[in-house]
Structures are given as C-alpha cells and as structure tokens.
Amino acid sequence: GKSSDSSPLPCHISGVPITDSSYAWVWIGQTPGRELQHIVLQYPFAGLQRIASSFQTRVTSSADLSRNQLSLEVLSPSAADTATNFCS
C-alpha cells in the first residue's frame, strides 16, 4: 500500500501461519523513480526482526499472531516517505 501517513499498513498472511519457522517475512518499499529497498525482515516464530539501518529510526513493525498479520508503521512521516510498500 501507499504510505505517507502514520497509519500502520497491515499485511494479512494466508495459507501458512506467520509463526511457521520455515518462513521469514519481509517488508520492501519503493519510492517513485527509485529502486526497491529492503525495510524489515521479520521472524515471528522467534519474536525477532531486523530493520535495515537506513530505516531504524523511521519505522516500526509488529506481528499480530492472533490475526496472522504483520504491520509496518512509518514514524513522523514526511512527503519524502511516500512509497509503495510490499510484504511477502
């Protein structure tokens, strides 16, 4: 989804529980005219996440196990943070 406000972006995973240790989940973003950028790699089965260094103070992410859903939130967004974000 497009993100230029601070509302969390949800990503509902279907077909497999997000806690399945065979999977890691990733958020990737693309600002207009630029390449894809890795934002977050999440391992909900272990309660771990790795946020790319250029995003560490700019985003937060979470996993809602009961909803089988991931969320990404841009903190204090500006127009420069407008991007299309993907999770998989």
N, C-alpha and C. Protein backbone atom coordinates (compact mmCIF):
# COMPACT_ATOMS: atom_id res chain seq x y z
N GLY A 1 0.80 -1.18 0.00
CA GLY A 1 0.00 0.00 0.00
C GLY A 1 0.84 1.24 0.00
N LYS A 2 0.24 2.38 -0.30
CA LYS A 2 0.95 3.66 -0.30
C LYS A 2 1.00 4.18 1.13
N SER A 3 2.14 4.75 1.49
CA SER A 3 2.29 5.23 2.85
C SER A 3 2.86 6.63 2.86
N SER A 4 2.08 7.61 3.32
CA SER A 4 2.61 8.94 3.61
C SER A 4 1.94 9.48 4.86
N ASP A 5 1.21 8.63 5.59
CA ASP A 5 0.69 9.00 6.90
C ASP A 5 1.17 7.97 7.90
N SER A 6 0.83 8.16 9.18
CA SER A 6 1.39 7.27 10.19
C SER A 6 0.48 6.10 10.54
N SER A 7 -0.54 5.86 9.74
CA SER A 7 -1.39 4.70 9.99
C SER A 7 -0.62 3.44 9.67
N PRO A 8 -0.66 2.44 10.54
CA PRO A 8 0.05 1.19 10.24
C PRO A 8 -0.51 0.54 8.98
N LEU A 9 0.39 0.01 8.17
CA LEU A 9 -0.01 -0.74 6.98
C LEU A 9 -0.14 -2.20 7.38
N PRO A 10 -1.31 -2.80 7.22
CA PRO A 10 -1.47 -4.21 7.57
C PRO A 10 -1.08 -5.11 6.41
N CYS A 11 -0.63 -6.30 6.73
CA CYS A 11 -0.34 -7.32 5.73
C CYS A 11 -0.84 -8.65 6.29
N HIS A 12 -1.98 -9.10 5.78
CA HIS A 12 -2.55 -10.36 6.25
C HIS A 12 -1.93 -11.50 5.44
N ILE A 13 -1.39 -12.48 6.14
CA ILE A 13 -0.78 -13.64 5.51
C ILE A 13 -1.80 -14.77 5.50
N SER A 14 -1.99 -15.41 4.35
CA SER A 14 -2.91 -16.54 4.28
C SER A 14 -2.16 -17.77 3.77
N GLY A 15 -2.67 -18.94 4.14
CA GLY A 15 -2.11 -20.19 3.65
C GLY A 15 -1.05 -20.80 4.54
N VAL A 16 -0.47 -20.01 5.43
CA VAL A 16 0.56 -20.51 6.33
C VAL A 16 0.57 -19.62 7.58
N PRO A 17 0.75 -20.19 8.76
CA PRO A 17 0.84 -19.35 9.95
C PRO A 17 2.13 -18.52 9.93
N ILE A 18 2.06 -17.27 10.35
CA ILE A 18 3.26 -16.43 10.34
C ILE A 18 4.31 -16.94 11.33
N THR A 19 3.91 -17.83 12.22
CA THR A 19 4.85 -18.41 13.18
C THR A 19 5.55 -19.65 12.64
N ASP A 20 5.27 -20.05 11.40
CA ASP A 20 5.93 -21.21 10.81
C ASP A 20 7.42 -20.91 10.65
N SER A 21 8.27 -21.73 11.26
CA SER A 21 9.71 -21.45 11.27
C SER A 21 10.37 -21.65 9.90
N SER A 22 9.62 -22.13 8.92
CA SER A 22 10.16 -22.28 7.57
C SER A 22 10.15 -20.96 6.81
N TYR A 23 9.52 -19.93 7.39
CA TYR A 23 9.34 -18.67 6.68
C TYR A 23 9.87 -17.50 7.48
N ALA A 24 10.42 -16.54 6.75
CA ALA A 24 10.70 -15.21 7.27
C ALA A 24 9.87 -14.27 6.40
N TRP A 25 9.49 -13.14 6.94
CA TRP A 25 8.62 -12.20 6.23
C TRP A 25 9.37 -10.89 6.03
N VAL A 26 9.12 -10.26 4.91
CA VAL A 26 9.89 -9.06 4.57
C VAL A 26 8.96 -7.93 4.13
N TRP A 27 9.32 -6.72 4.53
CA TRP A 27 8.70 -5.50 4.01
C TRP A 27 9.71 -4.86 3.06
N ILE A 28 9.25 -4.51 1.87
CA ILE A 28 10.07 -3.85 0.86
C ILE A 28 9.32 -2.60 0.42
N GLY A 29 10.05 -1.50 0.21
CA GLY A 29 9.41 -0.26 -0.23
C GLY A 29 10.04 0.26 -1.51
N GLN A 30 9.25 1.04 -2.24
CA GLN A 30 9.77 1.68 -3.45
C GLN A 30 9.22 3.08 -3.53
N THR A 31 10.11 4.07 -3.46
CA THR A 31 9.70 5.45 -3.66
C THR A 31 9.69 5.71 -5.16
N PRO A 32 8.85 6.64 -5.62
CA PRO A 32 8.74 6.88 -7.06
C PRO A 32 10.11 7.16 -7.70
N GLY A 33 10.40 6.45 -8.79
CA GLY A 33 11.63 6.66 -9.53
C GLY A 33 12.87 6.04 -8.92
N ARG A 34 12.72 5.26 -7.86
CA ARG A 34 13.88 4.65 -7.20
C ARG A 34 13.75 3.13 -7.18
N GLU A 35 14.85 2.48 -6.81
CA GLU A 35 14.86 1.02 -6.73
C GLU A 35 14.13 0.55 -5.48
N LEU A 36 13.79 -0.74 -5.47
CA LEU A 36 13.21 -1.35 -4.27
C LEU A 36 14.21 -1.29 -3.13
N GLN A 37 13.71 -1.07 -1.91
CA GLN A 37 14.56 -1.01 -0.73
C GLN A 37 14.05 -1.99 0.32
N HIS A 38 14.95 -2.77 0.88
CA HIS A 38 14.60 -3.66 1.99
C HIS A 38 14.35 -2.79 3.22
N ILE A 39 13.23 -3.02 3.91
CA ILE A 39 12.90 -2.25 5.11
C ILE A 39 13.05 -3.11 6.35
N VAL A 40 12.30 -4.20 6.41
CA VAL A 40 12.29 -5.05 7.61
C VAL A 40 12.25 -6.52 7.21
N LEU A 41 12.97 -7.33 7.94
CA LEU A 41 12.89 -8.78 7.85
C LEU A 41 12.38 -9.27 9.20
N GLN A 42 11.28 -10.01 9.22
CA GLN A 42 10.67 -10.46 10.48
C GLN A 42 10.66 -11.97 10.59
N TYR A 43 10.91 -12.44 11.81
CA TYR A 43 10.85 -13.86 12.16
C TYR A 43 9.88 -14.01 13.33
N PRO A 44 8.56 -13.97 13.09
CA PRO A 44 7.61 -14.03 14.20
C PRO A 44 7.73 -15.27 15.06
N PHE A 45 8.16 -16.40 14.48
CA PHE A 45 8.28 -17.63 15.27
C PHE A 45 9.31 -17.48 16.37
N ALA A 46 10.26 -16.58 16.19
CA ALA A 46 11.30 -16.36 17.20
C ALA A 46 11.16 -15.00 17.88
N GLY A 47 10.17 -14.21 17.47
CA GLY A 47 9.99 -12.88 18.04
C GLY A 47 11.09 -11.91 17.66
N LEU A 48 11.72 -12.13 16.51
CA LEU A 48 12.84 -11.30 16.08
C LEU A 48 12.50 -10.51 14.83
N GLN A 49 13.18 -9.39 14.67
CA GLN A 49 13.08 -8.62 13.44
C GLN A 49 14.39 -7.89 13.20
N ARG A 50 14.69 -7.65 11.94
CA ARG A 50 15.87 -6.87 11.58
C ARG A 50 15.41 -5.74 10.68
N ILE A 51 15.60 -4.52 11.17
CA ILE A 51 15.22 -3.33 10.41
C ILE A 51 16.48 -2.81 9.72
N ALA A 52 16.38 -2.53 8.43
CA ALA A 52 17.52 -2.01 7.68
C ALA A 52 18.03 -0.73 8.34
N SER A 53 19.34 -0.54 8.34
CA SER A 53 19.94 0.58 9.08
C SER A 53 19.37 1.93 8.67
N SER A 54 19.06 2.12 7.40
CA SER A 54 18.54 3.42 6.96
C SER A 54 17.10 3.66 7.41
N PHE A 55 16.45 2.64 7.96
CA PHE A 55 15.06 2.78 8.41
C PHE A 55 14.91 2.64 9.93
N GLN A 56 15.98 2.36 10.66
CA GLN A 56 15.86 2.01 12.08
C GLN A 56 15.18 3.07 12.93
N THR A 57 15.34 4.34 12.62
CA THR A 57 14.68 5.39 13.40
C THR A 57 13.41 5.89 12.73
N ARG A 58 13.06 5.29 11.59
CA ARG A 58 11.94 5.80 10.80
C ARG A 58 10.72 4.91 10.75
N VAL A 59 10.87 3.63 11.10
CA VAL A 59 9.74 2.71 11.03
C VAL A 59 9.68 1.82 12.26
N THR A 60 8.52 1.26 12.47
CA THR A 60 8.34 0.19 13.45
C THR A 60 7.49 -0.89 12.78
N SER A 61 7.72 -2.11 13.18
CA SER A 61 6.92 -3.20 12.61
C SER A 61 6.51 -4.13 13.74
N SER A 62 5.43 -4.84 13.49
CA SER A 62 4.93 -5.77 14.51
C SER A 62 4.25 -6.94 13.84
N ALA A 63 4.03 -7.98 14.63
CA ALA A 63 3.33 -9.17 14.17
C ALA A 63 2.19 -9.45 15.14
N ASP A 64 0.99 -9.61 14.61
CA ASP A 64 -0.18 -9.96 15.40
C ASP A 64 -0.48 -11.43 15.11
N LEU A 65 -0.05 -12.29 16.04
CA LEU A 65 -0.17 -13.73 15.82
C LEU A 65 -1.62 -14.18 15.74
N SER A 66 -2.51 -13.56 16.52
CA SER A 66 -3.91 -13.98 16.52
C SER A 66 -4.60 -13.66 15.20
N ARG A 67 -4.14 -12.65 14.50
CA ARG A 67 -4.72 -12.28 13.20
C ARG A 67 -3.89 -12.77 12.02
N ASN A 68 -2.73 -13.39 12.32
CA ASN A 68 -1.81 -13.83 11.26
C ASN A 68 -1.47 -12.66 10.35
N GLN A 69 -1.08 -11.56 10.99
CA GLN A 69 -0.91 -10.30 10.27
C GLN A 69 0.35 -9.58 10.72
N LEU A 70 1.01 -8.94 9.77
CA LEU A 70 2.15 -8.07 10.03
C LEU A 70 1.71 -6.64 9.85
N SER A 71 2.40 -5.71 10.50
CA SER A 71 2.10 -4.29 10.33
C SER A 71 3.40 -3.51 10.22
N LEU A 72 3.37 -2.47 9.39
CA LEU A 72 4.50 -1.56 9.23
C LEU A 72 3.99 -0.16 9.47
N GLU A 73 4.70 0.61 10.28
CA GLU A 73 4.31 1.99 10.54
C GLU A 73 5.50 2.91 10.32
N VAL A 74 5.30 3.96 9.53
CA VAL A 74 6.32 4.98 9.32
C VAL A 74 6.14 6.02 10.42
N LEU A 75 7.22 6.30 11.16
CA LEU A 75 7.16 7.24 12.27
C LEU A 75 7.42 8.66 11.76
N SER A 76 6.61 9.61 12.17
CA SER A 76 6.74 11.02 11.75
C SER A 76 6.98 11.13 10.25
N PRO A 77 6.05 10.66 9.45
CA PRO A 77 6.27 10.64 8.00
C PRO A 77 6.30 12.03 7.39
N SER A 78 7.06 12.15 6.31
CA SER A 78 7.09 13.37 5.51
C SER A 78 6.79 12.98 4.07
N ALA A 79 6.69 13.96 3.19
CA ALA A 79 6.43 13.67 1.78
C ALA A 79 7.51 12.76 1.20
N ALA A 80 8.73 12.86 1.70
CA ALA A 80 9.83 12.03 1.21
C ALA A 80 9.63 10.55 1.53
N ASP A 81 8.74 10.25 2.47
CA ASP A 81 8.48 8.86 2.85
C ASP A 81 7.39 8.21 2.00
N THR A 82 6.80 8.97 1.08
CA THR A 82 5.76 8.39 0.22
C THR A 82 6.37 7.26 -0.61
N ALA A 83 5.77 6.09 -0.51
CA ALA A 83 6.30 4.92 -1.19
C ALA A 83 5.21 3.88 -1.36
N THR A 84 5.44 2.96 -2.25
CA THR A 84 4.62 1.76 -2.34
C THR A 84 5.36 0.69 -1.57
N ASN A 85 4.69 0.09 -0.60
CA ASN A 85 5.32 -0.91 0.26
C ASN A 85 4.68 -2.27 0.03
N PHE A 86 5.52 -3.30 0.05
CA PHE A 86 5.10 -4.67 -0.19
C PHE A 86 5.52 -5.55 0.98
N CYS A 87 4.73 -6.54 1.29
CA CYS A 87 5.17 -7.55 2.25
C CYS A 87 5.02 -8.91 1.59
N SER A 88 5.89 -9.80 1.98
CA SER A 88 5.81 -11.18 1.47
C SER A 88 6.54 -12.09 2.42
